[in-house]
Amino acid sequence: MIKIIYSDHNGTRAPLFHQYPLQHNPQRAYLDFNPESDQLTLTAGYNGEIGNAIPANVWNRKILRFSIEPATCESDLDSLGQNEELESLLKEIVAGRESDWQRGCYTEQAEYAIRSVESLLESELDTIAVWDSIEWIANCDSIVNDLADAGSIEKLADDCKPDHSSDFVVFGDLEEAVAKVAAGRLERKDPSDYTVKELRAAEILAAYDDDYKLLLTSSKEKTS
């Protein structure tokens, strides 16, 4: 049938979702098809460049790039490998590729097949909800106490990770998110007013990163 290859995979059920820091939107995701390949193959990935830059072989249509949603479900992508309609369309594209060393040229029938592939992907591929790691951890009102109970940033981050059966994924560094959110909650209080668990959480944060040692310093010491 069709071989599905991931050039990028973030380890979640939305394998092509990637958003760079300070960017408001995720990178564009795609499926690439090389009509000259020996086997029908779709390569899934995302644009590593910020902006609209594309490789020369995509620009000249030697490789056909089909845009898909960044949060497309992994299971839907994998199921394309057994899609008989898609297989037939890709074979039409291969058969309709015309020889031209400079760019990809296609017969009218092949061009119609290309448009049909675009429509099929739009109807066959669903997306999954994606949470930013900071927003996900910030939903936990008891994060400071949970950190004290867990005993380490790493343990709590692992506990907060959604399992593979969840109907959503979390994107971003969960350890960093746990540390930032817990520290933000503790910064609202003076160490002299910490509860036992808050003090334990502050000590865990200070051991995790020297920048958080200020959480154990009183307001007077910080301003002196």
N, C-alpha and C. Protein backbone atom coordinates (compact mmCIF):
# COMPACT_ATOMS: atom_id res chain seq x y z
N MET A 1 0.84 -1.20 0.00
CA MET A 1 0.00 0.00 0.00
C MET A 1 0.89 1.26 0.00
N ILE A 2 0.66 2.14 0.97
CA ILE A 2 1.40 3.40 1.02
C ILE A 2 2.28 3.39 2.27
N LYS A 3 3.54 3.73 2.13
CA LYS A 3 4.45 3.80 3.27
C LYS A 3 4.38 5.20 3.88
N ILE A 4 4.15 5.27 5.19
CA ILE A 4 4.11 6.55 5.91
C ILE A 4 5.40 6.70 6.71
N ILE A 5 6.13 7.76 6.44
CA ILE A 5 7.39 8.05 7.13
C ILE A 5 7.27 9.38 7.86
N TYR A 6 7.80 9.44 9.09
CA TYR A 6 7.82 10.68 9.85
C TYR A 6 9.23 11.26 9.83
N SER A 7 9.38 12.40 9.20
CA SER A 7 10.67 13.10 9.28
C SER A 7 10.77 13.86 10.59
N ASP A 8 9.62 14.14 11.17
CA ASP A 8 9.53 14.79 12.49
C ASP A 8 8.46 14.06 13.29
N HIS A 9 8.71 13.88 14.59
CA HIS A 9 7.73 13.26 15.47
C HIS A 9 8.03 13.73 16.89
N ASN A 10 7.05 14.40 17.52
CA ASN A 10 7.31 14.97 18.85
C ASN A 10 6.99 14.00 19.99
N GLY A 11 6.60 12.76 19.65
CA GLY A 11 6.34 11.77 20.69
C GLY A 11 4.94 11.77 21.24
N THR A 12 4.04 12.58 20.67
CA THR A 12 2.66 12.64 21.14
C THR A 12 1.72 12.14 20.05
N ARG A 13 0.42 12.17 20.34
CA ARG A 13 -0.58 11.75 19.37
C ARG A 13 -0.82 12.82 18.31
N ALA A 14 -0.20 13.97 18.48
CA ALA A 14 -0.20 15.01 17.44
C ALA A 14 1.26 15.19 17.02
N PRO A 15 1.82 14.22 16.30
CA PRO A 15 3.27 14.13 16.11
C PRO A 15 3.90 15.29 15.35
N LEU A 16 3.11 16.03 14.56
CA LEU A 16 3.67 17.09 13.73
C LEU A 16 3.47 18.48 14.33
N PHE A 17 2.92 18.55 15.52
CA PHE A 17 2.69 19.86 16.14
C PHE A 17 4.00 20.39 16.72
N HIS A 18 4.37 21.57 16.27
CA HIS A 18 5.58 22.21 16.80
C HIS A 18 5.40 23.72 16.75
N GLN A 19 5.62 24.36 17.89
CA GLN A 19 5.50 25.81 17.97
C GLN A 19 6.74 26.37 18.64
N TYR A 20 7.42 27.26 17.95
CA TYR A 20 8.64 27.86 18.48
C TYR A 20 8.31 28.90 19.55
N PRO A 21 9.21 29.09 20.51
CA PRO A 21 9.01 30.13 21.54
C PRO A 21 8.78 31.50 20.90
N LEU A 22 7.90 32.27 21.48
CA LEU A 22 7.54 33.63 21.05
C LEU A 22 6.70 33.66 19.77
N GLN A 23 6.40 32.49 19.20
CA GLN A 23 5.54 32.43 18.02
C GLN A 23 4.10 32.21 18.45
N HIS A 24 3.17 32.86 17.75
CA HIS A 24 1.75 32.77 18.11
C HIS A 24 1.07 31.56 17.49
N ASN A 25 1.66 30.98 16.47
CA ASN A 25 1.06 29.85 15.77
C ASN A 25 2.07 28.72 15.60
N PRO A 26 1.57 27.48 15.51
CA PRO A 26 2.48 26.36 15.26
C PRO A 26 3.03 26.39 13.84
N GLN A 27 4.09 25.64 13.62
CA GLN A 27 4.66 25.52 12.29
C GLN A 27 3.71 24.76 11.36
N ARG A 28 3.79 25.08 10.08
CA ARG A 28 2.94 24.39 9.12
C ARG A 28 3.37 22.94 8.97
N ALA A 29 2.38 22.06 8.90
CA ALA A 29 2.64 20.63 8.75
C ALA A 29 2.29 20.18 7.34
N TYR A 30 2.86 19.06 6.93
CA TYR A 30 2.66 18.64 5.55
C TYR A 30 2.88 17.14 5.38
N LEU A 31 2.45 16.65 4.22
CA LEU A 31 2.80 15.32 3.72
C LEU A 31 3.47 15.52 2.38
N ASP A 32 4.68 15.03 2.22
CA ASP A 32 5.42 15.14 0.96
C ASP A 32 5.30 13.84 0.17
N PHE A 33 5.14 14.00 -1.15
CA PHE A 33 5.08 12.83 -2.03
C PHE A 33 6.04 13.02 -3.19
N ASN A 34 6.94 12.05 -3.35
CA ASN A 34 7.89 12.06 -4.46
C ASN A 34 7.43 11.07 -5.52
N PRO A 35 6.90 11.56 -6.66
CA PRO A 35 6.38 10.67 -7.70
C PRO A 35 7.45 9.78 -8.32
N GLU A 36 8.73 10.12 -8.13
CA GLU A 36 9.81 9.34 -8.73
C GLU A 36 10.33 8.24 -7.80
N SER A 37 9.78 8.16 -6.60
CA SER A 37 10.22 7.13 -5.66
C SER A 37 9.81 5.75 -6.13
N ASP A 38 10.58 4.72 -5.75
CA ASP A 38 10.27 3.35 -6.15
C ASP A 38 9.02 2.82 -5.47
N GLN A 39 8.66 3.40 -4.32
CA GLN A 39 7.49 2.96 -3.56
C GLN A 39 6.61 4.16 -3.25
N LEU A 40 5.30 3.94 -3.22
CA LEU A 40 4.39 5.01 -2.84
C LEU A 40 4.66 5.38 -1.38
N THR A 41 5.16 6.58 -1.17
CA THR A 41 5.58 6.99 0.18
C THR A 41 5.11 8.41 0.47
N LEU A 42 4.54 8.61 1.64
CA LEU A 42 4.20 9.95 2.13
C LEU A 42 5.08 10.25 3.33
N THR A 43 5.80 11.36 3.26
CA THR A 43 6.69 11.75 4.36
C THR A 43 6.05 12.89 5.14
N ALA A 44 5.78 12.64 6.42
CA ALA A 44 5.10 13.62 7.28
C ALA A 44 6.13 14.46 8.03
N GLY A 45 5.92 15.76 8.07
CA GLY A 45 6.84 16.64 8.79
C GLY A 45 6.24 18.01 8.99
N TYR A 46 7.05 18.91 9.52
CA TYR A 46 6.62 20.30 9.66
C TYR A 46 7.74 21.21 9.16
N ASN A 47 7.37 22.41 8.77
CA ASN A 47 8.33 23.37 8.24
C ASN A 47 9.23 23.86 9.38
N GLY A 48 10.51 23.55 9.29
CA GLY A 48 11.43 23.95 10.35
C GLY A 48 11.80 25.42 10.33
N GLU A 49 11.47 26.11 9.25
CA GLU A 49 11.77 27.54 9.12
C GLU A 49 10.57 28.38 9.51
N ILE A 50 10.79 29.45 10.26
CA ILE A 50 9.72 30.39 10.57
C ILE A 50 9.44 31.22 9.33
N GLY A 51 8.19 31.26 8.92
CA GLY A 51 7.84 31.97 7.69
C GLY A 51 7.36 31.00 6.64
N ASN A 52 7.46 31.40 5.39
CA ASN A 52 6.91 30.61 4.29
C ASN A 52 7.95 29.94 3.42
N ALA A 53 9.19 29.82 3.89
CA ALA A 53 10.24 29.21 3.09
C ALA A 53 9.94 27.74 2.81
N ILE A 54 10.18 27.30 1.58
CA ILE A 54 10.01 25.90 1.20
C ILE A 54 11.22 25.45 0.40
N PRO A 55 11.54 24.16 0.43
CA PRO A 55 12.69 23.65 -0.34
C PRO A 55 12.49 23.84 -1.84
N ALA A 56 13.58 23.90 -2.58
CA ALA A 56 13.53 24.12 -4.03
C ALA A 56 12.77 23.01 -4.73
N ASN A 57 12.96 21.76 -4.28
CA ASN A 57 12.29 20.64 -4.96
C ASN A 57 10.79 20.62 -4.73
N VAL A 58 10.33 21.31 -3.66
CA VAL A 58 8.89 21.47 -3.46
C VAL A 58 8.38 22.63 -4.32
N TRP A 59 9.18 23.69 -4.38
CA TRP A 59 8.81 24.85 -5.20
C TRP A 59 8.66 24.47 -6.67
N ASN A 60 9.57 23.64 -7.16
CA ASN A 60 9.50 23.27 -8.58
C ASN A 60 8.66 22.01 -8.83
N ARG A 61 8.00 21.52 -7.76
CA ARG A 61 7.03 20.42 -7.84
C ARG A 61 7.64 19.07 -8.21
N LYS A 62 8.93 18.93 -8.01
CA LYS A 62 9.51 17.60 -8.13
C LYS A 62 9.02 16.73 -6.98
N ILE A 63 8.79 17.37 -5.84
CA ILE A 63 8.13 16.75 -4.70
C ILE A 63 6.84 17.52 -4.45
N LEU A 64 5.75 16.80 -4.34
CA LEU A 64 4.45 17.43 -4.10
C LEU A 64 4.22 17.52 -2.60
N ARG A 65 3.91 18.71 -2.13
CA ARG A 65 3.69 18.93 -0.70
C ARG A 65 2.21 19.21 -0.45
N PHE A 66 1.59 18.38 0.37
CA PHE A 66 0.19 18.53 0.72
C PHE A 66 0.10 19.08 2.16
N SER A 67 -0.48 20.25 2.31
CA SER A 67 -0.59 20.87 3.64
C SER A 67 -1.65 20.16 4.47
N ILE A 68 -1.35 19.94 5.75
CA ILE A 68 -2.31 19.37 6.68
C ILE A 68 -2.26 20.17 7.98
N GLU A 69 -3.24 19.95 8.84
CA GLU A 69 -3.28 20.67 10.11
C GLU A 69 -2.15 20.20 11.04
N PRO A 70 -1.49 21.12 11.74
CA PRO A 70 -0.39 20.74 12.63
C PRO A 70 -0.79 19.74 13.72
N ALA A 71 -2.04 19.82 14.18
CA ALA A 71 -2.49 18.94 15.27
C ALA A 71 -3.19 17.69 14.75
N THR A 72 -2.86 17.27 13.54
CA THR A 72 -3.46 16.07 12.96
C THR A 72 -3.12 14.84 13.81
N CYS A 73 -4.11 13.96 14.02
CA CYS A 73 -3.92 12.77 14.84
C CYS A 73 -2.96 11.77 14.19
N GLU A 74 -2.11 11.20 14.99
CA GLU A 74 -1.17 10.20 14.51
C GLU A 74 -1.90 9.00 13.91
N SER A 75 -2.98 8.55 14.57
CA SER A 75 -3.70 7.37 14.08
C SER A 75 -4.28 7.61 12.70
N ASP A 76 -4.75 8.82 12.43
CA ASP A 76 -5.31 9.13 11.12
C ASP A 76 -4.21 9.16 10.06
N LEU A 77 -3.06 9.69 10.43
CA LEU A 77 -1.93 9.69 9.49
C LEU A 77 -1.51 8.26 9.15
N ASP A 78 -1.42 7.42 10.17
CA ASP A 78 -1.01 6.05 9.95
C ASP A 78 -2.02 5.29 9.09
N SER A 79 -3.31 5.60 9.28
CA SER A 79 -4.35 4.89 8.52
C SER A 79 -4.30 5.20 7.03
N LEU A 80 -3.65 6.29 6.65
CA LEU A 80 -3.52 6.60 5.22
C LEU A 80 -2.77 5.50 4.47
N GLY A 81 -1.95 4.78 5.18
CA GLY A 81 -1.17 3.71 4.55
C GLY A 81 -2.04 2.62 3.95
N GLN A 82 -3.28 2.48 4.46
CA GLN A 82 -4.20 1.45 3.98
C GLN A 82 -5.36 2.04 3.19
N ASN A 83 -5.27 3.30 2.81
CA ASN A 83 -6.37 3.96 2.11
C ASN A 83 -6.28 3.66 0.61
N GLU A 84 -7.19 2.85 0.13
CA GLU A 84 -7.15 2.41 -1.26
C GLU A 84 -7.42 3.55 -2.24
N GLU A 85 -8.31 4.47 -1.87
CA GLU A 85 -8.59 5.60 -2.75
C GLU A 85 -7.35 6.47 -2.91
N LEU A 86 -6.68 6.73 -1.80
CA LEU A 86 -5.46 7.53 -1.85
C LEU A 86 -4.38 6.83 -2.67
N GLU A 87 -4.26 5.52 -2.50
CA GLU A 87 -3.29 4.75 -3.26
C GLU A 87 -3.54 4.90 -4.77
N SER A 88 -4.80 4.81 -5.17
CA SER A 88 -5.16 4.93 -6.58
C SER A 88 -4.81 6.31 -7.12
N LEU A 89 -5.08 7.35 -6.33
CA LEU A 89 -4.78 8.72 -6.76
C LEU A 89 -3.28 8.95 -6.90
N LEU A 90 -2.52 8.44 -5.96
CA LEU A 90 -1.06 8.60 -6.03
C LEU A 90 -0.49 7.88 -7.25
N LYS A 91 -1.06 6.74 -7.58
CA LYS A 91 -0.61 6.02 -8.78
C LYS A 91 -0.93 6.81 -10.05
N GLU A 92 -2.07 7.51 -10.04
CA GLU A 92 -2.43 8.36 -11.19
C GLU A 92 -1.43 9.50 -11.34
N ILE A 93 -1.00 10.04 -10.21
CA ILE A 93 -0.01 11.12 -10.24
C ILE A 93 1.31 10.61 -10.81
N VAL A 94 1.73 9.43 -10.35
CA VAL A 94 2.98 8.84 -10.84
C VAL A 94 2.89 8.60 -12.35
N ALA A 95 1.77 8.05 -12.79
CA ALA A 95 1.60 7.76 -14.21
C ALA A 95 1.53 9.03 -15.05
N GLY A 96 1.06 10.12 -14.43
CA GLY A 96 0.88 11.36 -15.19
C GLY A 96 2.02 12.34 -15.06
N ARG A 97 3.12 11.91 -14.46
CA ARG A 97 4.26 12.82 -14.36
C ARG A 97 5.00 12.84 -15.70
N GLU A 98 5.22 14.04 -16.21
CA GLU A 98 5.90 14.19 -17.50
C GLU A 98 7.36 14.57 -17.29
N SER A 99 8.19 14.11 -18.19
CA SER A 99 9.64 14.31 -18.06
C SER A 99 10.03 15.77 -18.23
N ASP A 100 10.72 16.29 -17.24
CA ASP A 100 11.27 17.66 -17.29
C ASP A 100 12.29 17.75 -16.17
N TRP A 101 13.56 17.93 -16.52
CA TRP A 101 14.61 17.90 -15.51
C TRP A 101 14.58 19.11 -14.59
N GLN A 102 13.93 20.21 -15.00
CA GLN A 102 13.92 21.42 -14.19
C GLN A 102 12.80 21.46 -13.17
N ARG A 103 11.62 20.93 -13.51
CA ARG A 103 10.49 21.01 -12.59
C ARG A 103 9.53 19.85 -12.83
N GLY A 104 8.65 19.63 -11.90
CA GLY A 104 7.66 18.58 -12.04
C GLY A 104 6.51 19.04 -12.92
N CYS A 105 6.27 18.33 -13.98
CA CYS A 105 5.17 18.63 -14.89
C CYS A 105 4.21 17.45 -14.89
N TYR A 106 2.91 17.72 -14.96
CA TYR A 106 1.92 16.67 -14.83
C TYR A 106 0.83 16.83 -15.88
N THR A 107 0.27 15.69 -16.29
CA THR A 107 -0.84 15.71 -17.24
C THR A 107 -2.07 16.29 -16.56
N GLU A 108 -3.06 16.59 -17.34
CA GLU A 108 -4.31 17.14 -16.80
C GLU A 108 -4.96 16.16 -15.83
N GLN A 109 -4.91 14.88 -16.17
CA GLN A 109 -5.49 13.87 -15.28
C GLN A 109 -4.73 13.80 -13.95
N ALA A 110 -3.40 13.93 -14.03
CA ALA A 110 -2.59 13.90 -12.81
C ALA A 110 -2.85 15.14 -11.95
N GLU A 111 -3.04 16.28 -12.58
CA GLU A 111 -3.35 17.50 -11.84
C GLU A 111 -4.69 17.35 -11.11
N TYR A 112 -5.63 16.69 -11.75
CA TYR A 112 -6.93 16.45 -11.10
C TYR A 112 -6.74 15.51 -9.91
N ALA A 113 -5.88 14.51 -10.07
CA ALA A 113 -5.60 13.59 -8.98
C ALA A 113 -4.94 14.32 -7.80
N ILE A 114 -4.07 15.27 -8.10
CA ILE A 114 -3.42 16.06 -7.05
C ILE A 114 -4.47 16.83 -6.24
N ARG A 115 -5.39 17.46 -6.93
CA ARG A 115 -6.45 18.20 -6.24
C ARG A 115 -7.34 17.25 -5.44
N SER A 116 -7.54 16.05 -5.98
CA SER A 116 -8.37 15.05 -5.28
C SER A 116 -7.69 14.56 -4.01
N VAL A 117 -6.36 14.45 -4.05
CA VAL A 117 -5.62 14.07 -2.84
C VAL A 117 -5.80 15.14 -1.77
N GLU A 118 -5.73 16.39 -2.15
CA GLU A 118 -5.92 17.49 -1.20
C GLU A 118 -7.29 17.39 -0.53
N SER A 119 -8.32 17.12 -1.33
CA SER A 119 -9.68 17.00 -0.79
C SER A 119 -9.81 15.79 0.11
N LEU A 120 -9.21 14.68 -0.29
CA LEU A 120 -9.29 13.46 0.51
C LEU A 120 -8.62 13.66 1.87
N LEU A 121 -7.45 14.28 1.88
CA LEU A 121 -6.75 14.51 3.15
C LEU A 121 -7.56 15.41 4.07
N GLU A 122 -8.22 16.39 3.50
CA GLU A 122 -9.04 17.29 4.30
C GLU A 122 -10.21 16.56 4.96
N SER A 123 -10.75 15.57 4.28
CA SER A 123 -11.91 14.84 4.82
C SER A 123 -11.50 13.68 5.73
N GLU A 124 -10.31 13.11 5.51
CA GLU A 124 -9.91 11.91 6.24
C GLU A 124 -9.14 12.20 7.53
N LEU A 125 -8.52 13.37 7.62
CA LEU A 125 -7.64 13.64 8.75
C LEU A 125 -8.31 14.53 9.79
N ASP A 126 -8.40 14.03 11.02
CA ASP A 126 -8.94 14.81 12.13
C ASP A 126 -7.80 15.33 13.01
N THR A 127 -8.13 16.33 13.82
CA THR A 127 -7.13 16.90 14.72
C THR A 127 -7.44 16.52 16.16
N ILE A 128 -6.47 16.73 17.02
CA ILE A 128 -6.62 16.49 18.45
C ILE A 128 -6.29 17.78 19.19
N ALA A 129 -6.93 18.00 20.32
CA ALA A 129 -6.70 19.22 21.10
C ALA A 129 -5.26 19.25 21.63
N VAL A 130 -4.66 20.42 21.58
CA VAL A 130 -3.27 20.58 22.06
C VAL A 130 -3.24 21.65 23.14
N TRP A 131 -2.70 21.29 24.29
CA TRP A 131 -2.52 22.23 25.40
C TRP A 131 -1.06 22.67 25.47
N ASP A 132 -0.84 23.96 25.70
CA ASP A 132 0.50 24.44 26.03
C ASP A 132 0.85 23.94 27.44
N SER A 133 2.08 23.52 27.65
CA SER A 133 2.47 22.92 28.93
C SER A 133 2.26 23.86 30.11
N ILE A 134 2.56 25.15 29.92
CA ILE A 134 2.36 26.12 31.02
C ILE A 134 0.88 26.23 31.37
N GLU A 135 0.03 26.34 30.35
CA GLU A 135 -1.41 26.44 30.58
C GLU A 135 -1.94 25.18 31.24
N TRP A 136 -1.42 24.04 30.82
CA TRP A 136 -1.87 22.76 31.39
C TRP A 136 -1.53 22.67 32.88
N ILE A 137 -0.30 23.00 33.23
CA ILE A 137 0.10 22.92 34.64
C ILE A 137 -0.59 24.01 35.47
N ALA A 138 -0.82 25.17 34.86
CA ALA A 138 -1.46 26.28 35.59
C ALA A 138 -2.88 25.94 36.01
N ASN A 139 -3.49 24.95 35.38
CA ASN A 139 -4.84 24.53 35.75
C ASN A 139 -4.88 23.81 37.09
N CYS A 140 -3.71 23.39 37.56
CA CYS A 140 -3.65 22.65 38.83
C CYS A 140 -3.50 23.62 40.00
N ASP A 141 -4.55 23.79 40.78
CA ASP A 141 -4.51 24.74 41.92
C ASP A 141 -3.59 24.27 43.03
N SER A 142 -3.34 22.97 43.10
CA SER A 142 -2.54 22.42 44.21
C SER A 142 -1.11 22.08 43.78
N ILE A 143 -0.62 22.76 42.75
CA ILE A 143 0.69 22.40 42.18
C ILE A 143 1.82 22.46 43.22
N VAL A 144 1.77 23.44 44.12
CA VAL A 144 2.84 23.56 45.13
C VAL A 144 2.82 22.37 46.08
N ASN A 145 1.64 22.04 46.61
CA ASN A 145 1.53 20.89 47.50
C ASN A 145 1.85 19.60 46.77
N ASP A 146 1.42 19.51 45.50
CA ASP A 146 1.71 18.31 44.71
C ASP A 146 3.21 18.13 44.52
N LEU A 147 3.92 19.25 44.34
CA LEU A 147 5.37 19.18 44.18
C LEU A 147 6.02 18.67 45.46
N ALA A 148 5.56 19.18 46.59
CA ALA A 148 6.11 18.72 47.87
C ALA A 148 5.87 17.23 48.06
N ASP A 149 4.69 16.75 47.68
CA ASP A 149 4.37 15.32 47.82
C ASP A 149 5.17 14.47 46.84
N ALA A 150 5.38 14.98 45.63
CA ALA A 150 6.09 14.21 44.60
C ALA A 150 7.57 14.07 44.94
N GLY A 151 8.15 15.10 45.53
CA GLY A 151 9.54 15.03 45.95
C GLY A 151 10.54 15.52 44.92
N SER A 152 10.09 15.72 43.67
CA SER A 152 11.00 16.24 42.65
C SER A 152 10.21 16.80 41.49
N ILE A 153 10.84 17.73 40.76
CA ILE A 153 10.23 18.30 39.56
C ILE A 153 9.97 17.19 38.54
N GLU A 154 10.96 16.33 38.37
CA GLU A 154 10.87 15.27 37.36
C GLU A 154 9.70 14.33 37.64
N LYS A 155 9.51 13.95 38.90
CA LYS A 155 8.43 13.03 39.26
C LYS A 155 7.06 13.67 39.02
N LEU A 156 6.90 14.91 39.41
CA LEU A 156 5.60 15.56 39.22
C LEU A 156 5.32 15.79 37.75
N ALA A 157 6.33 16.17 36.98
CA ALA A 157 6.14 16.36 35.54
C ALA A 157 5.68 15.06 34.88
N ASP A 158 6.26 13.96 35.29
CA ASP A 158 5.87 12.66 34.75
C ASP A 158 4.44 12.30 35.15
N ASP A 159 4.07 12.64 36.39
CA ASP A 159 2.70 12.38 36.86
C ASP A 159 1.67 13.21 36.10
N CYS A 160 2.07 14.39 35.66
CA CYS A 160 1.15 15.31 34.97
C CYS A 160 1.03 15.01 33.47
N LYS A 161 1.84 14.10 32.99
CA LYS A 161 1.84 13.79 31.56
C LYS A 161 0.58 12.99 31.21
N PRO A 162 -0.20 13.44 30.23
CA PRO A 162 -1.40 12.67 29.84
C PRO A 162 -1.01 11.34 29.22
N ASP A 163 -1.84 10.32 29.45
CA ASP A 163 -1.52 9.02 28.84
C ASP A 163 -1.97 9.01 27.39
N HIS A 164 -1.59 7.95 26.69
CA HIS A 164 -1.81 7.89 25.24
C HIS A 164 -3.28 7.73 24.88
N SER A 165 -4.13 7.44 25.87
CA SER A 165 -5.56 7.29 25.59
C SER A 165 -6.32 8.60 25.74
N SER A 166 -5.64 9.65 26.21
CA SER A 166 -6.30 10.94 26.41
C SER A 166 -6.72 11.55 25.08
N ASP A 167 -7.79 12.36 25.11
CA ASP A 167 -8.26 12.99 23.88
C ASP A 167 -7.62 14.36 23.67
N PHE A 168 -6.42 14.53 24.19
CA PHE A 168 -5.65 15.76 24.03
C PHE A 168 -4.18 15.44 24.22
N VAL A 169 -3.33 16.36 23.82
CA VAL A 169 -1.90 16.22 24.06
C VAL A 169 -1.38 17.51 24.69
N VAL A 170 -0.24 17.43 25.33
CA VAL A 170 0.40 18.60 25.93
C VAL A 170 1.72 18.83 25.21
N PHE A 171 1.91 20.04 24.71
CA PHE A 171 3.14 20.37 23.99
C PHE A 171 4.01 21.29 24.82
N GLY A 172 5.27 20.98 24.91
CA GLY A 172 6.21 21.82 25.65
C GLY A 172 6.88 21.02 26.76
N ASP A 173 7.85 21.63 27.41
CA ASP A 173 8.64 20.99 28.45
C ASP A 173 7.85 21.00 29.77
N LEU A 174 7.37 19.83 30.18
CA LEU A 174 6.55 19.76 31.40
C LEU A 174 7.37 20.04 32.66
N GLU A 175 8.62 19.64 32.68
CA GLU A 175 9.44 19.93 33.85
C GLU A 175 9.59 21.44 34.02
N GLU A 176 9.89 22.13 32.94
CA GLU A 176 10.03 23.59 33.00
C GLU A 176 8.72 24.24 33.40
N ALA A 177 7.62 23.70 32.90
CA ALA A 177 6.30 24.26 33.22
C ALA A 177 5.98 24.08 34.71
N VAL A 178 6.26 22.91 35.24
CA VAL A 178 6.03 22.65 36.67
C VAL A 178 6.84 23.64 37.51
N ALA A 179 8.11 23.81 37.16
CA ALA A 179 8.98 24.70 37.92
C ALA A 179 8.49 26.14 37.86
N LYS A 180 8.14 26.62 36.67
CA LYS A 180 7.72 28.02 36.51
C LYS A 180 6.42 28.30 37.24
N VAL A 181 5.45 27.40 37.10
CA VAL A 181 4.14 27.63 37.72
C VAL A 181 4.25 27.54 39.24
N ALA A 182 4.94 26.53 39.74
CA ALA A 182 5.08 26.40 41.19
C ALA A 182 5.84 27.58 41.78
N ALA A 183 6.90 28.00 41.11
CA ALA A 183 7.67 29.15 41.59
C ALA A 183 6.82 30.41 41.57
N GLY A 184 6.01 30.58 40.55
CA GLY A 184 5.14 31.74 40.46
C GLY A 184 4.16 31.81 41.62
N ARG A 185 3.69 30.65 42.04
CA ARG A 185 2.75 30.62 43.19
C ARG A 185 3.47 30.96 44.49
N LEU A 186 4.69 30.46 44.63
CA LEU A 186 5.44 30.70 45.86
C LEU A 186 5.93 32.15 45.97
N GLU A 187 6.18 32.78 44.86
CA GLU A 187 6.68 34.16 44.87
C GLU A 187 5.69 35.14 45.49
N ARG A 188 4.46 34.74 45.61
CA ARG A 188 3.44 35.62 46.19
C ARG A 188 3.54 35.70 47.71
N LYS A 189 4.36 34.82 48.31
CA LYS A 189 4.46 34.78 49.77
C LYS A 189 5.90 34.98 50.21
N ASP A 190 6.06 35.43 51.43
CA ASP A 190 7.38 35.51 52.04
C ASP A 190 7.71 34.15 52.64
N PRO A 191 8.97 33.70 52.53
CA PRO A 191 9.34 32.39 53.08
C PRO A 191 8.96 32.20 54.55
N SER A 192 8.94 33.29 55.32
CA SER A 192 8.57 33.17 56.73
C SER A 192 7.12 32.77 56.92
N ASP A 193 6.31 32.92 55.86
CA ASP A 193 4.90 32.57 55.92
C ASP A 193 4.59 31.24 55.24
N TYR A 194 5.62 30.54 54.75
CA TYR A 194 5.40 29.27 54.07
C TYR A 194 4.81 28.23 55.02
N THR A 195 3.94 27.42 54.48
CA THR A 195 3.52 26.21 55.19
C THR A 195 4.66 25.19 55.06
N VAL A 196 4.52 24.08 55.75
CA VAL A 196 5.55 23.04 55.69
C VAL A 196 5.72 22.55 54.25
N LYS A 197 4.61 22.35 53.55
CA LYS A 197 4.69 21.85 52.17
C LYS A 197 5.24 22.92 51.22
N GLU A 198 4.89 24.16 51.46
CA GLU A 198 5.42 25.23 50.61
C GLU A 198 6.93 25.36 50.77
N LEU A 199 7.40 25.21 52.00
CA LEU A 199 8.85 25.25 52.24
C LEU A 199 9.54 24.08 51.53
N ARG A 200 8.92 22.90 51.61
CA ARG A 200 9.50 21.74 50.95
C ARG A 200 9.54 21.96 49.43
N ALA A 201 8.48 22.52 48.86
CA ALA A 201 8.43 22.79 47.42
C ALA A 201 9.51 23.79 47.02
N ALA A 202 9.69 24.83 47.84
CA ALA A 202 10.71 25.84 47.56
C ALA A 202 12.11 25.22 47.58
N GLU A 203 12.34 24.30 48.51
CA GLU A 203 13.64 23.62 48.59
C GLU A 203 13.88 22.75 47.35
N ILE A 204 12.82 22.10 46.88
CA ILE A 204 12.93 21.26 45.67
C ILE A 204 13.27 22.13 44.47
N LEU A 205 12.60 23.28 44.37
CA LEU A 205 12.86 24.20 43.26
C LEU A 205 14.29 24.75 43.32
N ALA A 206 14.75 25.09 44.51
CA ALA A 206 16.10 25.63 44.67
C ALA A 206 17.16 24.60 44.29
N ALA A 207 16.88 23.31 44.59
CA ALA A 207 17.81 22.24 44.22
C ALA A 207 17.77 21.97 42.72
N TYR A 208 16.63 22.24 42.10
CA TYR A 208 16.45 22.00 40.66
C TYR A 208 17.18 23.04 39.82
N ASP A 209 17.13 24.31 40.26
CA ASP A 209 17.75 25.39 39.50
C ASP A 209 18.15 26.50 40.46
N ASP A 210 19.38 26.95 40.39
CA ASP A 210 19.88 27.99 41.29
C ASP A 210 19.05 29.27 41.23
N ASP A 211 18.43 29.54 40.09
CA ASP A 211 17.62 30.75 39.96
C ASP A 211 16.46 30.77 40.94
N TYR A 212 16.05 29.58 41.42
CA TYR A 212 14.91 29.51 42.34
C TYR A 212 15.33 29.59 43.81
N LYS A 213 16.62 29.77 44.07
CA LYS A 213 17.07 29.87 45.46
C LYS A 213 16.52 31.12 46.15
N LEU A 214 16.15 32.12 45.33
CA LEU A 214 15.57 33.34 45.91
C LEU A 214 14.24 33.07 46.61
N LEU A 215 13.62 31.94 46.27
CA LEU A 215 12.35 31.60 46.92
C LEU A 215 12.54 31.32 48.41
N LEU A 216 13.79 31.06 48.80
CA LEU A 216 14.08 30.79 50.21
C LEU A 216 14.64 32.03 50.92
N THR A 217 14.62 33.16 50.20
CA THR A 217 15.14 34.40 50.76
C THR A 217 13.99 35.34 51.12
N SER A 218 14.05 35.91 52.32
CA SER A 218 12.96 36.79 52.76
C SER A 218 12.95 38.07 51.94
N SER A 219 11.84 38.79 51.99
CA SER A 219 11.68 40.03 51.26
C SER A 219 12.74 41.05 51.66
N LYS A 220 13.06 41.11 52.92
CA LYS A 220 14.04 42.09 53.41
C LYS A 220 15.42 41.77 52.82
N GLU A 221 15.76 40.48 52.78
CA GLU A 221 17.07 40.08 52.26
C GLU A 221 17.16 40.34 50.77
N LYS A 222 16.04 40.19 50.05
CA LYS A 222 16.03 40.42 48.60
C LYS A 222 16.27 41.88 48.26
N THR A 223 15.77 42.77 49.12
CA THR A 223 15.87 44.21 48.81
C THR A 223 17.09 44.87 49.42
N SER A 224 17.81 44.14 50.26
CA SER A 224 18.98 44.74 50.93
C SER A 224 20.19 44.74 50.01
